[in-house]
């Protein structure tokens, strides 16, 4: 029997609801973005985000059901992101999911947002195990081994800033508009790697560190301004992006060599970066490994990935009770 999961995602500044069939087929997906509003402030304002989720969620639900030409009665379960994210934003989605599940007597499934990003790769492709999973987002940089569905072994993570956060901070110091990451990438395409930036130096582990690189860019810009020197923004963006992504490549290559695994999935908002895709494809070609990256629609926050990640939990009968609560932090 087919399994239809109604999934809700509200961890940051997108109100999204999707209906996903058997963990792979997206029957409908609606995303209400708050980007234009938060761009006025140079970043996401949590209080505004939660209020806008509250205003949008009923309309998004109605549109998702209308696009699918389905009713809630036809759903097998209700899934919702419960961690990590902005607490106020998460609570809007969780309370909506609880209300729907209670009113229609449907199982409730709490989903980790990071795991959702990984399972976005299973929508248009098929994840095969064992595989390496690289999570690159505004709040996380992690490298994992997945032996099977929901069987994770963490190899390493960032010890300070996440790569997405680093992109955003560099965008700000370069005077680029929010969202920073895509604008850094766009600027980098027009430049050359002429600035000598420090390679993140770590011991021989799988951990990451981006605070030093971020500080180097900030200090370089500040010192140049103090001396009245012109910053070649496109070259600095190119130099920064090259060093930041080279660190990801170095750790993934180490994992290829030491684990022997020949599959890599990339997950999280930074997976939308075209230069990252190109460099990881080159690395995978070198080791005859298969690379999976979600299509652009599923790289950023969306409810379809939550429906995909909820499906294995549904099959295992791992449901949440109504004490499910939001958490601003949460590892896999």
C-alpha atoms as a PDB file:
ATOM      1  CA  UNK A   1       0.000   0.000   0.000  1.00  0.00           C
ATOM      2  CA  UNK A   2       1.289   3.461  -0.891  1.00  0.00           C
ATOM      3  CA  UNK A   3       2.386   5.730   1.951  1.00  0.00           C
ATOM      4  CA  UNK A   4       1.527   9.418   1.692  1.00  0.00           C
ATOM      5  CA  UNK A   5       3.265  11.686   4.188  1.00  0.00           C
ATOM      6  CA  UNK A   6       2.271  15.289   4.731  1.00  0.00           C
ATOM      7  CA  UNK A   7       5.472  17.041   5.784  1.00  0.00           C
ATOM      8  CA  UNK A   8       6.006  20.449   7.391  1.00  0.00           C
ATOM      9  CA  UNK A   9       9.264  22.426   7.432  1.00  0.00           C
ATOM     10  CA  UNK A  10       9.602  25.729   9.328  1.00  0.00           C
ATOM     11  CA  UNK A  11      13.075  25.637  10.858  1.00  0.00           C
ATOM     12  CA  UNK A  12      14.245  29.043   9.635  1.00  0.00           C
ATOM     13  CA  UNK A  13      12.676  31.456   7.160  1.00  0.00           C
ATOM     14  CA  UNK A  14      10.762  29.205   4.740  1.00  0.00           C
ATOM     15  CA  UNK A  15       7.262  27.947   5.494  1.00  0.00           C
ATOM     16  CA  UNK A  16       7.017  24.760   3.463  1.00  0.00           C
ATOM     17  CA  UNK A  17       4.558  21.880   3.232  1.00  0.00           C
ATOM     18  CA  UNK A  18       4.810  18.873   0.930  1.00  0.00           C
ATOM     19  CA  UNK A  19       3.018  15.624   0.233  1.00  0.00           C
ATOM     20  CA  UNK A  20       5.484  12.833  -0.506  1.00  0.00           C
ATOM     21  CA  UNK A  21       4.557   9.352  -1.762  1.00  0.00           C
ATOM     22  CA  UNK A  22       6.642   6.383  -0.597  1.00  0.00           C
ATOM     23  CA  UNK A  23       9.527   8.630   0.433  1.00  0.00           C
ATOM     24  CA  UNK A  24      10.465   9.517  -3.152  1.00  0.00           C
ATOM     25  CA  UNK A  25       7.655  10.942  -5.261  1.00  0.00           C
ATOM     26  CA  UNK A  26       6.832  14.584  -4.505  1.00  0.00           C
ATOM     27  CA  UNK A  27       3.098  14.937  -5.138  1.00  0.00           C
ATOM     28  CA  UNK A  28       3.070  18.602  -4.160  1.00  0.00           C
ATOM     29  CA  UNK A  29       5.490  21.099  -2.651  1.00  0.00           C
ATOM     30  CA  UNK A  30       4.790  24.651  -1.541  1.00  0.00           C
ATOM     31  CA  UNK A  31       7.442  27.023  -0.190  1.00  0.00           C
ATOM     32  CA  UNK A  32       6.610  30.474   1.158  1.00  0.00           C
ATOM     33  CA  UNK A  33       9.909  32.336   1.419  1.00  0.00           C
ATOM     34  CA  UNK A  34      10.567  35.239   3.764  1.00  0.00           C
ATOM     35  CA  UNK A  35      13.832  36.152   2.040  1.00  0.00           C
ATOM     36  CA  UNK A  36      12.788  39.593   0.801  1.00  0.00           C
ATOM     37  CA  UNK A  37      11.671  40.631   4.283  1.00  0.00           C
ATOM     38  CA  UNK A  38      14.833  39.484   6.055  1.00  0.00           C
ATOM     39  CA  UNK A  39      17.027  41.010   3.333  1.00  0.00           C
ATOM     40  CA  UNK A  40      15.947  44.391   4.677  1.00  0.00           C
ATOM     41  CA  UNK A  41      17.759  43.550   7.933  1.00  0.00           C
ATOM     42  CA  UNK A  42      20.788  41.840   6.409  1.00  0.00           C
ATOM     43  CA  UNK A  43      19.860  38.443   7.874  1.00  0.00           C
ATOM     44  CA  UNK A  44      17.096  36.410   9.493  1.00  0.00           C
ATOM     45  CA  UNK A  45      15.336  38.095  12.436  1.00  0.00           C
ATOM     46  CA  UNK A  46      13.935  35.231  14.584  1.00  0.00           C
ATOM     47  CA  UNK A  47      10.934  37.144  15.961  1.00  0.00           C
ATOM     48  CA  UNK A  48       9.832  38.239  12.500  1.00  0.00           C
ATOM     49  CA  UNK A  49      10.393  34.745  11.111  1.00  0.00           C
ATOM     50  CA  UNK A  50       8.120  33.029  13.637  1.00  0.00           C
ATOM     51  CA  UNK A  51       5.385  35.616  13.145  1.00  0.00           C
ATOM     52  CA  UNK A  52       5.498  35.195   9.364  1.00  0.00           C
ATOM     53  CA  UNK A  53       5.323  31.399   9.736  1.00  0.00           C
ATOM     54  CA  UNK A  54       2.164  31.808  11.804  1.00  0.00           C
ATOM     55  CA  UNK A  55       0.617  34.011   9.145  1.00  0.00           C
ATOM     56  CA  UNK A  56       1.536  31.711   6.251  1.00  0.00           C
ATOM     57  CA  UNK A  57       1.137  28.143   7.435  1.00  0.00           C
ATOM     58  CA  UNK A  58      -2.618  27.706   6.920  1.00  0.00           C
ATOM     59  CA  UNK A  59      -2.448  29.113   3.408  1.00  0.00           C
ATOM     60  CA  UNK A  60       0.565  26.935   2.569  1.00  0.00           C
ATOM     61  CA  UNK A  61      -1.288  23.843   3.843  1.00  0.00           C
ATOM     62  CA  UNK A  62      -4.358  24.640   1.752  1.00  0.00           C
ATOM     63  CA  UNK A  63      -2.245  25.182  -1.363  1.00  0.00           C
ATOM     64  CA  UNK A  64      -0.271  21.947  -0.874  1.00  0.00           C
ATOM     65  CA  UNK A  65      -3.472  19.910  -0.562  1.00  0.00           C
ATOM     66  CA  UNK A  66      -5.052  21.706  -3.523  1.00  0.00           C
ATOM     67  CA  UNK A  67      -2.016  21.081  -5.763  1.00  0.00           C
ATOM     68  CA  UNK A  68      -2.084  17.386  -4.864  1.00  0.00           C
ATOM     69  CA  UNK A  69      -5.878  17.187  -5.179  1.00  0.00           C
ATOM     70  CA  UNK A  70      -5.863  15.252  -1.912  1.00  0.00           C
ATOM     71  CA  UNK A  71      -7.276  15.568   1.602  1.00  0.00           C
ATOM     72  CA  UNK A  72      -5.665  15.090   4.987  1.00  0.00           C
ATOM     73  CA  UNK A  73      -7.796  11.962   5.452  1.00  0.00           C
ATOM     74  CA  UNK A  74      -5.758  10.365   2.666  1.00  0.00           C
ATOM     75  CA  UNK A  75      -2.452  10.962   4.462  1.00  0.00           C
ATOM     76  CA  UNK A  76      -0.667   8.050   6.157  1.00  0.00           C
ATOM     77  CA  UNK A  77       1.211  10.270   8.631  1.00  0.00           C
ATOM     78  CA  UNK A  78       2.165  13.845   9.483  1.00  0.00           C
ATOM     79  CA  UNK A  79       5.887  14.670   9.606  1.00  0.00           C
ATOM     80  CA  UNK A  80       7.513  17.818  10.922  1.00  0.00           C
ATOM     81  CA  UNK A  81      10.975  19.274  11.488  1.00  0.00           C
ATOM     82  CA  UNK A  82      11.643  19.555  15.227  1.00  0.00           C
ATOM     83  CA  UNK A  83      15.393  20.272  15.332  1.00  0.00           C
ATOM     84  CA  UNK A  84      17.731  22.041  14.794  1.00  0.00           C
ATOM     85  CA  UNK A  85      16.591  25.555  13.923  1.00  0.00           C
ATOM     86  CA  UNK A  86      15.077  28.730  15.310  1.00  0.00           C
ATOM     87  CA  UNK A  87      12.959  27.693  18.288  1.00  0.00           C
ATOM     88  CA  UNK A  88      10.077  30.047  17.553  1.00  0.00           C
ATOM     89  CA  UNK A  89       9.945  29.063  13.900  1.00  0.00           C
ATOM     90  CA  UNK A  90      10.102  25.340  14.694  1.00  0.00           C
ATOM     91  CA  UNK A  91       7.274  25.674  17.214  1.00  0.00           C
ATOM     92  CA  UNK A  92       4.885  27.007  14.563  1.00  0.00           C
ATOM     93  CA  UNK A  93       5.394  23.925  12.405  1.00  0.00           C
ATOM     94  CA  UNK A  94       5.308  21.515  15.352  1.00  0.00           C
ATOM     95  CA  UNK A  95       2.057  22.893  16.755  1.00  0.00           C
ATOM     96  CA  UNK A  96       0.469  22.761  13.302  1.00  0.00           C
ATOM     97  CA  UNK A  97       1.610  19.144  12.852  1.00  0.00           C
ATOM     98  CA  UNK A  98       0.355  18.127  16.300  1.00  0.00           C
ATOM     99  CA  UNK A  99      -3.021  19.750  15.677  1.00  0.00           C
ATOM    100  CA  UNK A 100      -3.464  18.016  12.318  1.00  0.00           C
ATOM    101  CA  UNK A 101      -2.312  14.655  13.672  1.00  0.00           C
ATOM    102  CA  UNK A 102      -4.661  14.909  16.664  1.00  0.00           C
ATOM    103  CA  UNK A 103      -7.690  16.079  14.684  1.00  0.00           C
ATOM    104  CA  UNK A 104      -7.323  13.442  11.959  1.00  0.00           C
ATOM    105  CA  UNK A 105      -5.904  10.632  14.138  1.00  0.00           C
ATOM    106  CA  UNK A 106      -2.676  10.330  12.143  1.00  0.00           C
ATOM    107  CA  UNK A 107       0.767   9.207  13.361  1.00  0.00           C
ATOM    108  CA  UNK A 108       3.196  12.050  14.103  1.00  0.00           C
ATOM    109  CA  UNK A 109       6.813  11.808  12.955  1.00  0.00           C
ATOM    110  CA  UNK A 110       9.489  14.216  14.205  1.00  0.00           C
ATOM    111  CA  UNK A 111      12.356  14.677  11.737  1.00  0.00           C
ATOM    112  CA  UNK A 112      15.859  16.056  12.238  1.00  0.00           C
ATOM    113  CA  UNK A 113      16.371  18.883   9.738  1.00  0.00           C
ATOM    114  CA  UNK A 114      19.941  17.747   8.917  1.00  0.00           C
ATOM    115  CA  UNK A 115      18.792  14.215   8.164  1.00  0.00           C
ATOM    116  CA  UNK A 116      16.136  15.757   5.943  1.00  0.00           C
ATOM    117  CA  UNK A 117      18.864  17.415   3.881  1.00  0.00           C
ATOM    118  CA  UNK A 118      20.588  14.045   3.432  1.00  0.00           C
ATOM    119  CA  UNK A 119      17.374  12.307   2.326  1.00  0.00           C
ATOM    120  CA  UNK A 120      16.724  15.045  -0.247  1.00  0.00           C
ATOM    121  CA  UNK A 121      19.216  13.000  -2.282  1.00  0.00           C
ATOM    122  CA  UNK A 122      16.773  10.076  -2.300  1.00  0.00           C
ATOM    123  CA  UNK A 123      14.001  11.976  -4.096  1.00  0.00           C
ATOM    124  CA  UNK A 124      15.364  11.972  -7.649  1.00  0.00           C
ATOM    125  CA  UNK A 125      18.080   9.345  -7.132  1.00  0.00           C
ATOM    126  CA  UNK A 126      18.503   6.263  -4.977  1.00  0.00           C
ATOM    127  CA  UNK A 127      20.849   6.407  -2.013  1.00  0.00           C
ATOM    128  CA  UNK A 128      22.915   3.240  -1.790  1.00  0.00           C
ATOM    129  CA  UNK A 129      24.774   2.138   1.317  1.00  0.00           C
ATOM    130  CA  UNK A 130      27.391   2.386   2.630  1.00  0.00           C
ATOM    131  CA  UNK A 131      27.978   5.999   1.678  1.00  0.00           C
ATOM    132  CA  UNK A 132      29.663   9.169   2.870  1.00  0.00           C
ATOM    133  CA  UNK A 133      27.431  12.147   3.662  1.00  0.00           C
ATOM    134  CA  UNK A 134      28.821  15.679   3.705  1.00  0.00           C
ATOM    135  CA  UNK A 135      26.510  18.234   5.353  1.00  0.00           C
ATOM    136  CA  UNK A 136      27.309  21.835   4.428  1.00  0.00           C
ATOM    137  CA  UNK A 137      24.938  24.546   5.628  1.00  0.00           C
ATOM    138  CA  UNK A 138      24.728  27.836   7.470  1.00  0.00           C
ATOM    139  CA  UNK A 139      24.912  26.130  10.840  1.00  0.00           C
ATOM    140  CA  UNK A 140      26.640  22.819  10.200  1.00  0.00           C
ATOM    141  CA  UNK A 141      29.635  21.227   8.517  1.00  0.00           C
ATOM    142  CA  UNK A 142      29.797  17.480   9.149  1.00  0.00           C
ATOM    143  CA  UNK A 143      31.153  14.372   7.465  1.00  0.00           C
ATOM    144  CA  UNK A 144      29.362  11.105   8.190  1.00  0.00           C
ATOM    145  CA  UNK A 145      29.317   7.462   7.179  1.00  0.00           C
ATOM    146  CA  UNK A 146      25.868   5.960   6.599  1.00  0.00           C
ATOM    147  CA  UNK A 147      25.811   2.169   6.747  1.00  0.00           C
ATOM    148  CA  UNK A 148      22.044   1.992   6.220  1.00  0.00           C
ATOM    149  CA  UNK A 149      18.878   4.022   6.722  1.00  0.00           C
ATOM    150  CA  UNK A 150      19.279   6.060   9.912  1.00  0.00           C
ATOM    151  CA  UNK A 151      22.597   4.379  10.806  1.00  0.00           C
ATOM    152  CA  UNK A 152      25.131   7.195  11.143  1.00  0.00           C
ATOM    153  CA  UNK A 153      28.778   7.290  12.165  1.00  0.00           C
ATOM    154  CA  UNK A 154      30.138  10.819  12.538  1.00  0.00           C
ATOM    155  CA  UNK A 155      33.683  11.151  11.231  1.00  0.00           C
ATOM    156  CA  UNK A 156      34.098  14.857  11.940  1.00  0.00           C
ATOM    157  CA  UNK A 157      32.459  18.240  12.274  1.00  0.00           C
ATOM    158  CA  UNK A 158      33.321  21.914  12.483  1.00  0.00           C
ATOM    159  CA  UNK A 159      35.026  23.009  15.670  1.00  0.00           C
ATOM    160  CA  UNK A 160      33.890  26.605  15.233  1.00  0.00           C
ATOM    161  CA  UNK A 161      32.132  28.271  12.263  1.00  0.00           C
ATOM    162  CA  UNK A 162      30.140  26.317   9.691  1.00  0.00           C
ATOM    163  CA  UNK A 163      31.067  26.848   6.052  1.00  0.00           C
ATOM    164  CA  UNK A 164      27.731  28.496   5.241  1.00  0.00           C
ATOM    165  CA  UNK A 165      28.134  30.928   8.129  1.00  0.00           C
ATOM    166  CA  UNK A 166      31.620  31.722   6.878  1.00  0.00           C
ATOM    167  CA  UNK A 167      30.279  32.476   3.388  1.00  0.00           C
ATOM    168  CA  UNK A 168      27.670  34.815   4.901  1.00  0.00           C
ATOM    169  CA  UNK A 169      30.231  36.680   7.056  1.00  0.00           C
ATOM    170  CA  UNK A 170      32.557  37.129   4.082  1.00  0.00           C
ATOM    171  CA  UNK A 171      29.632  38.385   1.993  1.00  0.00           C
ATOM    172  CA  UNK A 172      28.865  40.974   4.643  1.00  0.00           C
ATOM    173  CA  UNK A 173      32.432  42.278   4.871  1.00  0.00           C
ATOM    174  CA  UNK A 174      32.497  42.521   1.057  1.00  0.00           C
ATOM    175  CA  UNK A 175      29.306  44.579   1.139  1.00  0.00           C
ATOM    176  CA  UNK A 176      27.165  41.950  -0.610  1.00  0.00           C
ATOM    177  CA  UNK A 177      23.442  41.649  -0.015  1.00  0.00           C
ATOM    178  CA  UNK A 178      21.642  38.862   1.862  1.00  0.00           C
ATOM    179  CA  UNK A 179      21.622  35.932   1.210  1.00  0.00           C
ATOM    180  CA  UNK A 180      25.398  36.038   1.231  1.00  0.00           C
ATOM    181  CA  UNK A 181      26.457  32.611  -0.024  1.00  0.00           C
ATOM    182  CA  UNK A 182      25.002  32.784  -3.548  1.00  0.00           C
ATOM    183  CA  UNK A 183      26.305  36.330  -3.974  1.00  0.00           C
ATOM    184  CA  UNK A 184      29.851  35.312  -3.009  1.00  0.00           C
ATOM    185  CA  UNK A 185      29.690  32.477  -5.553  1.00  0.00           C
ATOM    186  CA  UNK A 186      28.360  34.820  -8.237  1.00  0.00           C
ATOM    187  CA  UNK A 187      31.140  37.340  -7.581  1.00  0.00           C
ATOM    188  CA  UNK A 188      33.816  34.630  -7.456  1.00  0.00           C
ATOM    189  CA  UNK A 189      32.991  33.557 -11.016  1.00  0.00           C
ATOM    190  CA  UNK A 190      34.278  36.910 -12.289  1.00  0.00           C
ATOM    191  CA  UNK A 191      37.536  36.840 -10.321  1.00  0.00           C
ATOM    192  CA  UNK A 192      40.849  35.031  -9.974  1.00  0.00           C
ATOM    193  CA  UNK A 193      42.531  33.478  -6.936  1.00  0.00           C
ATOM    194  CA  UNK A 194      45.103  36.216  -6.421  1.00  0.00           C
ATOM    195  CA  UNK A 195      44.858  36.664  -2.634  1.00  0.00           C
ATOM    196  CA  UNK A 196      46.996  34.453  -0.423  1.00  0.00           C
ATOM    197  CA  UNK A 197      44.610  33.228   2.269  1.00  0.00           C
ATOM    198  CA  UNK A 198      45.526  30.719   4.988  1.00  0.00           C
ATOM    199  CA  UNK A 199      44.610  27.110   4.434  1.00  0.00           C
ATOM    200  CA  UNK A 200      42.737  25.832   7.495  1.00  0.00           C
ATOM    201  CA  UNK A 201      45.348  23.757   9.299  1.00  0.00           C
ATOM    202  CA  UNK A 202      44.018  20.893  11.391  1.00  0.00           C
ATOM    203  CA  UNK A 203      45.528  17.744  12.794  1.00  0.00           C
ATOM    204  CA  UNK A 204      44.981  14.555  10.833  1.00  0.00           C
ATOM    205  CA  UNK A 205      41.292  14.258  11.746  1.00  0.00           C
ATOM    206  CA  UNK A 206      38.035  14.734   9.886  1.00  0.00           C
ATOM    207  CA  UNK A 207      37.162  17.921  11.780  1.00  0.00           C
ATOM    208  CA  UNK A 208      36.787  21.291  10.111  1.00  0.00           C
ATOM    209  CA  UNK A 209      37.646  24.854  11.140  1.00  0.00           C
ATOM    210  CA  UNK A 210      36.603  28.028   9.340  1.00  0.00           C
ATOM    211  CA  UNK A 211      37.036  30.769  11.941  1.00  0.00           C
ATOM    212  CA  UNK A 212      40.639  31.417  10.957  1.00  0.00           C
ATOM    213  CA  UNK A 213      39.789  31.776   7.283  1.00  0.00           C
ATOM    214  CA  UNK A 214      36.883  34.087   8.107  1.00  0.00           C
ATOM    215  CA  UNK A 215      39.084  36.237  10.347  1.00  0.00           C
ATOM    216  CA  UNK A 216      41.795  36.408   7.684  1.00  0.00           C
ATOM    217  CA  UNK A 217      39.335  37.838   5.151  1.00  0.00           C
ATOM    218  CA  UNK A 218      37.900  40.322   7.662  1.00  0.00           C
ATOM    219  CA  UNK A 219      41.381  41.480   8.711  1.00  0.00           C
ATOM    220  CA  UNK A 220      42.561  41.760   5.115  1.00  0.00           C
ATOM    221  CA  UNK A 221      39.617  43.998   4.190  1.00  0.00           C
ATOM    222  CA  UNK A 222      40.001  46.095   7.343  1.00  0.00           C
ATOM    223  CA  UNK A 223      43.750  46.598   6.912  1.00  0.00           C
ATOM    224  CA  UNK A 224      43.372  47.453   3.233  1.00  0.00           C
ATOM    225  CA  UNK A 225      40.790  50.112   4.067  1.00  0.00           C
ATOM    226  CA  UNK A 226      43.076  51.545   6.747  1.00  0.00           C
ATOM    227  CA  UNK A 227      45.856  51.860   4.149  1.00  0.00           C
ATOM    228  CA  UNK A 228      43.495  53.275   1.526  1.00  0.00           C
ATOM    229  CA  UNK A 229      44.061  50.295  -0.759  1.00  0.00           C
ATOM    230  CA  UNK A 230      41.372  49.077  -3.116  1.00  0.00           C
ATOM    231  CA  UNK A 231      39.985  45.602  -2.527  1.00  0.00           C
ATOM    232  CA  UNK A 232      39.487  43.534  -5.664  1.00  0.00           C
ATOM    233  CA  UNK A 233      36.255  42.016  -4.418  1.00  0.00           C
ATOM    234  CA  UNK A 234      35.842  39.462  -7.185  1.00  0.00           C
ATOM    235  CA  UNK A 235      39.395  38.161  -6.658  1.00  0.00           C
ATOM    236  CA  UNK A 236      38.963  38.005  -2.891  1.00  0.00           C
ATOM    237  CA  UNK A 237      35.652  36.139  -3.267  1.00  0.00           C
ATOM    238  CA  UNK A 238      37.310  33.686  -5.660  1.00  0.00           C
ATOM    239  CA  UNK A 239      40.300  33.181  -3.359  1.00  0.00           C
ATOM    240  CA  UNK A 240      38.085  32.641  -0.325  1.00  0.00           C
ATOM    241  CA  UNK A 241      35.734  30.197  -2.048  1.00  0.00           C
ATOM    242  CA  UNK A 242      38.649  28.166  -3.406  1.00  0.00           C
ATOM    243  CA  UNK A 243      40.273  27.754   0.020  1.00  0.00           C
ATOM    244  CA  UNK A 244      36.980  27.041   1.812  1.00  0.00           C
ATOM    245  CA  UNK A 245      35.908  24.309  -0.589  1.00  0.00           C
ATOM    246  CA  UNK A 246      39.391  22.843  -0.912  1.00  0.00           C
ATOM    247  CA  UNK A 247      39.172  22.007   2.801  1.00  0.00           C
ATOM    248  CA  UNK A 248      35.984  20.017   2.156  1.00  0.00           C
ATOM    249  CA  UNK A 249      37.683  18.174  -0.699  1.00  0.00           C
ATOM    250  CA  UNK A 250      40.702  17.341   1.473  1.00  0.00           C
ATOM    251  CA  UNK A 251      38.560  15.714   4.171  1.00  0.00           C
ATOM    252  CA  UNK A 252      36.382  13.806   1.702  1.00  0.00           C
ATOM    253  CA  UNK A 253      39.478  12.518  -0.103  1.00  0.00           C
ATOM    254  CA  UNK A 254      40.862  11.312   3.229  1.00  0.00           C
ATOM    255  CA  UNK A 255      37.572   9.459   3.820  1.00  0.00           C
ATOM    256  CA  UNK A 256      37.645   7.869   0.370  1.00  0.00           C
ATOM    257  CA  UNK A 257      41.150   6.577   1.032  1.00  0.00           C
ATOM    258  CA  UNK A 258      40.583   5.368   4.590  1.00  0.00           C
ATOM    259  CA  UNK A 259      37.059   3.903   4.346  1.00  0.00           C
ATOM    260  CA  UNK A 260      37.120   2.567   0.792  1.00  0.00           C
ATOM    261  CA  UNK A 261      33.537   3.818   0.331  1.00  0.00           C
ATOM    262  CA  UNK A 262      32.720   4.785  -3.255  1.00  0.00           C
ATOM    263  CA  UNK A 263      29.557   6.851  -2.748  1.00  0.00           C
ATOM    264  CA  UNK A 264      29.178  10.463  -1.616  1.00  0.00           C
ATOM    265  CA  UNK A 265      26.054  12.527  -0.995  1.00  0.00           C
ATOM    266  CA  UNK A 266      26.201  16.255  -0.325  1.00  0.00           C
ATOM    267  CA  UNK A 267      23.452  17.890   1.728  1.00  0.00           C
ATOM    268  CA  UNK A 268      22.510  21.337   3.000  1.00  0.00           C
ATOM    269  CA  UNK A 269      22.154  24.806   1.536  1.00  0.00           C
ATOM    270  CA  UNK A 270      25.789  25.123   0.443  1.00  0.00           C
ATOM    271  CA  UNK A 271      25.270  22.084  -1.816  1.00  0.00           C
ATOM    272  CA  UNK A 272      23.657  24.583  -4.221  1.00  0.00           C
ATOM    273  CA  UNK A 273      27.128  26.080  -4.836  1.00  0.00           C
ATOM    274  CA  UNK A 274      28.151  25.318  -8.409  1.00  0.00           C
ATOM    275  CA  UNK A 275      31.899  25.429  -7.723  1.00  0.00           C
ATOM    276  CA  UNK A 276      31.465  22.892  -4.919  1.00  0.00           C
ATOM    277  CA  UNK A 277      29.604  20.571  -7.292  1.00  0.00           C
ATOM    278  CA  UNK A 278      32.326  20.839  -9.937  1.00  0.00           C
ATOM    279  CA  UNK A 279      35.179  20.198  -7.512  1.00  0.00           C
ATOM    280  CA  UNK A 280      33.462  17.265  -5.808  1.00  0.00           C
ATOM    281  CA  UNK A 281      32.655  15.705  -9.174  1.00  0.00           C
ATOM    282  CA  UNK A 282      36.355  15.919 -10.113  1.00  0.00           C
ATOM    283  CA  UNK A 283      37.264  14.243  -6.828  1.00  0.00           C
ATOM    284  CA  UNK A 284      34.679  11.499  -7.301  1.00  0.00           C
ATOM    285  CA  UNK A 285      35.901  10.893 -10.865  1.00  0.00           C
ATOM    286  CA  UNK A 286      39.443  10.492  -9.493  1.00  0.00           C
ATOM    287  CA  UNK A 287      38.316   7.723  -7.134  1.00  0.00           C
ATOM    288  CA  UNK A 288      35.637   6.235  -9.401  1.00  0.00           C
ATOM    289  CA  UNK A 289      33.008   7.188  -6.837  1.00  0.00           C
ATOM    290  CA  UNK A 290      29.342   8.058  -7.339  1.00  0.00           C
ATOM    291  CA  UNK A 291      28.259  11.593  -6.380  1.00  0.00           C
ATOM    292  CA  UNK A 292      24.713  12.568  -5.435  1.00  0.00           C
ATOM    293  CA  UNK A 293      23.632  16.199  -5.003  1.00  0.00           C
ATOM    294  CA  UNK A 294      19.940  17.171  -4.861  1.00  0.00           C
ATOM    295  CA  UNK A 295      18.569  19.339  -7.621  1.00  0.00           C
ATOM    296  CA  UNK A 296      18.527  23.009  -6.702  1.00  0.00           C
ATOM    297  CA  UNK A 297      14.913  23.020  -5.462  1.00  0.00           C
ATOM    298  CA  UNK A 298      15.797  20.435  -2.799  1.00  0.00           C
ATOM    299  CA  UNK A 299      19.190  21.889  -1.788  1.00  0.00           C
ATOM    300  CA  UNK A 300      17.681  24.670   0.295  1.00  0.00           C
ATOM    301  CA  UNK A 301      15.081  24.247   3.056  1.00  0.00           C
ATOM    302  CA  UNK A 302      11.921  22.493   1.846  1.00  0.00           C
ATOM    303  CA  UNK A 303       9.303  20.096   3.181  1.00  0.00           C
ATOM    304  CA  UNK A 304       9.815  17.439   0.494  1.00  0.00           C
ATOM    305  CA  UNK A 305      13.107  16.411   2.115  1.00  0.00           C
ATOM    306  CA  UNK A 306      11.306  16.074   5.453  1.00  0.00           C
ATOM    307  CA  UNK A 307       8.745  13.756   3.874  1.00  0.00           C
ATOM    308  CA  UNK A 308      11.555  11.706   2.328  1.00  0.00           C
ATOM    309  CA  UNK A 309      13.374  11.429   5.665  1.00  0.00           C
ATOM    310  CA  UNK A 310      10.157  10.521   7.495  1.00  0.00           C
ATOM    311  CA  UNK A 311       9.421   7.519   5.279  1.00  0.00           C
ATOM    312  CA  UNK A 312      12.021   5.109   6.797  1.00  0.00           C
ATOM    313  CA  UNK A 313      10.767   6.084  10.273  1.00  0.00           C
ATOM    314  CA  UNK A 314       7.197   5.356   9.181  1.00  0.00           C
ATOM    315  CA  UNK A 315       8.202   1.894   7.948  1.00  0.00           C
ATOM    316  CA  UNK A 316       9.895   1.192  11.288  1.00  0.00           C
ATOM    317  CA  UNK A 317       6.919   2.490  13.248  1.00  0.00           C
ATOM    318  CA  UNK A 318       9.104   5.090  14.980  1.00  0.00           C
ATOM    319  CA  UNK A 319       6.476   7.709  15.749  1.00  0.00           C
ATOM    320  CA  UNK A 320       6.580  10.722  18.058  1.00  0.00           C
ATOM    321  CA  UNK A 321       4.128  11.438  20.849  1.00  0.00           C
ATOM    322  CA  UNK A 322       2.531  14.792  21.538  1.00  0.00           C
ATOM    323  CA  UNK A 323       5.321  15.824  23.899  1.00  0.00           C
ATOM    324  CA  UNK A 324       7.443  16.483  20.799  1.00  0.00           C
ATOM    325  CA  UNK A 325       9.175  19.833  21.278  1.00  0.00           C
ATOM    326  CA  UNK A 326      11.461  22.182  19.376  1.00  0.00           C
ATOM    327  CA  UNK A 327      15.219  22.271  19.854  1.00  0.00           C
ATOM    328  CA  UNK A 328      17.517  24.954  18.493  1.00  0.00           C
ATOM    329  CA  UNK A 329      20.419  22.480  18.472  1.00  0.00           C
ATOM    330  CA  UNK A 330      20.620  18.877  17.487  1.00  0.00           C
ATOM    331  CA  UNK A 331      23.235  16.588  16.044  1.00  0.00           C
ATOM    332  CA  UNK A 332      22.494  13.540  13.989  1.00  0.00           C
END
